[in-house]
Amino acid sequence: MKRHTICRLCSSCCPVEVEIEDGRLVFAARKSFLPQEKQLICPKLKTAAEITYSPHRLKTP
C-alpha cells in the first residue's frame, strides 16, 4: 500500500511517498514538483527502512 506523508529524519520535513507491506516500511521516495533531473536524492530517505528497523537503533532516551 502506498501512502503520502512527510519525512522526519531531518528538519526539512520533505513530502514523501512510502510503500508499506504487512505494516512495515518497504520503500520511501521524495515527492517533488520539480523535473526529475533537478530533484535531489536524500541519503537518509534512501535508507529510511534500514534506519527504521536497524537492530542498533536507539529505542529509549
C-alpha atoms as a PDB file:
ATOM      1  CA  MET A   1       0.000   0.000   0.000  1.00  0.00           C
ATOM      2  CA  LYS A   2       1.324   3.464  -0.866  1.00  0.00           C
ATOM      3  CA  ARG A   3       0.828   6.478   1.391  1.00  0.00           C
ATOM      4  CA  HIS A   4       1.749  10.146   1.254  1.00  0.00           C
ATOM      5  CA  THR A   5       3.414  11.624   4.338  1.00  0.00           C
ATOM      6  CA  ILE A   6       6.434  13.686   5.389  1.00  0.00           C
ATOM      7  CA  CYS A   7       9.957  12.571   6.229  1.00  0.00           C
ATOM      8  CA  ARG A   8      11.012  13.324   9.814  1.00  0.00           C
ATOM      9  CA  LEU A   9      14.630  12.173   9.513  1.00  0.00           C
ATOM     10  CA  CYS A  10      15.743  15.836   9.454  1.00  0.00           C
ATOM     11  CA  SER A  11      14.245  19.295   9.967  1.00  0.00           C
ATOM     12  CA  SER A  12      13.298  19.787   6.281  1.00  0.00           C
ATOM     13  CA  CYS A  13      10.148  17.614   6.565  1.00  0.00           C
ATOM     14  CA  CYS A  14      10.146  16.749   2.841  1.00  0.00           C
ATOM     15  CA  PRO A  15       6.968  15.314   1.310  1.00  0.00           C
ATOM     16  CA  VAL A  16       7.413  11.597   0.612  1.00  0.00           C
ATOM     17  CA  GLU A  17       5.539   8.625  -0.770  1.00  0.00           C
ATOM     18  CA  VAL A  18       6.070   5.443   1.235  1.00  0.00           C
ATOM     19  CA  GLU A  19       5.248   1.844   0.432  1.00  0.00           C
ATOM     20  CA  ILE A  20       4.093  -0.326   3.324  1.00  0.00           C
ATOM     21  CA  GLU A  21       3.738  -4.125   3.302  1.00  0.00           C
ATOM     22  CA  ASP A  22       2.487  -6.086   6.317  1.00  0.00           C
ATOM     23  CA  GLY A  23       2.671  -2.936   8.458  1.00  0.00           C
ATOM     24  CA  ARG A  24       6.376  -2.353   7.700  1.00  0.00           C
ATOM     25  CA  LEU A  25       8.060   0.356   5.649  1.00  0.00           C
ATOM     26  CA  VAL A  26       9.464  -1.135   2.447  1.00  0.00           C
ATOM     27  CA  PHE A  27      10.342   1.898   0.328  1.00  0.00           C
ATOM     28  CA  ALA A  28      10.314   5.687   0.601  1.00  0.00           C
ATOM     29  CA  ALA A  29      10.718   8.233  -2.200  1.00  0.00           C
ATOM     30  CA  ARG A  30      10.668  12.009  -2.111  1.00  0.00           C
ATOM     31  CA  LYS A  31       7.665  13.639  -3.736  1.00  0.00           C
ATOM     32  CA  SER A  32       8.717  16.653  -5.738  1.00  0.00           C
ATOM     33  CA  PHE A  33       7.133  19.068  -8.155  1.00  0.00           C
ATOM     34  CA  LEU A  34      10.491  19.662  -9.840  1.00  0.00           C
ATOM     35  CA  PRO A  35      11.514  17.853 -13.015  1.00  0.00           C
ATOM     36  CA  GLN A  36      13.328  14.553 -12.365  1.00  0.00           C
ATOM     37  CA  GLU A  37      16.750  15.939 -13.361  1.00  0.00           C
ATOM     38  CA  LYS A  38      16.515  18.742 -10.757  1.00  0.00           C
ATOM     39  CA  GLN A  39      15.461  16.557  -7.829  1.00  0.00           C
ATOM     40  CA  LEU A  40      17.962  15.890  -5.070  1.00  0.00           C
ATOM     41  CA  ILE A  41      18.364  12.398  -3.647  1.00  0.00           C
ATOM     42  CA  CYS A  42      18.450  12.435   0.145  1.00  0.00           C
ATOM     43  CA  PRO A  43      20.790   9.777   1.587  1.00  0.00           C
ATOM     44  CA  LYS A  44      18.686   9.478   4.759  1.00  0.00           C
ATOM     45  CA  LEU A  45      15.466   8.899   2.857  1.00  0.00           C
ATOM     46  CA  LYS A  46      17.192   6.405   0.565  1.00  0.00           C
ATOM     47  CA  THR A  47      17.930   4.217   3.613  1.00  0.00           C
ATOM     48  CA  ALA A  48      14.790   5.054   5.644  1.00  0.00           C
ATOM     49  CA  ALA A  49      13.654   1.430   6.024  1.00  0.00           C
ATOM     50  CA  GLU A  50      17.169   0.378   7.034  1.00  0.00           C
ATOM     51  CA  ILE A  51      17.363   3.188   9.625  1.00  0.00           C
ATOM     52  CA  THR A  52      13.877   2.444  10.984  1.00  0.00           C
ATOM     53  CA  TYR A  53      14.399  -1.283  11.507  1.00  0.00           C
ATOM     54  CA  SER A  54      18.103  -1.350  12.409  1.00  0.00           C
ATOM     55  CA  PRO A  55      18.876  -3.582  15.412  1.00  0.00           C
ATOM     56  CA  HIS A  56      21.301  -0.844  16.552  1.00  0.00           C
ATOM     57  CA  ARG A  57      18.618   1.877  16.580  1.00  0.00           C
ATOM     58  CA  LEU A  58      18.090   3.718  19.873  1.00  0.00           C
ATOM     59  CA  LYS A  59      14.716   2.788  21.330  1.00  0.00           C
ATOM     60  CA  THR A  60      14.811   4.685  24.631  1.00  0.00           C
ATOM     61  CA  PRO A  61      16.107   8.134  25.590  1.00  0.00           C
END
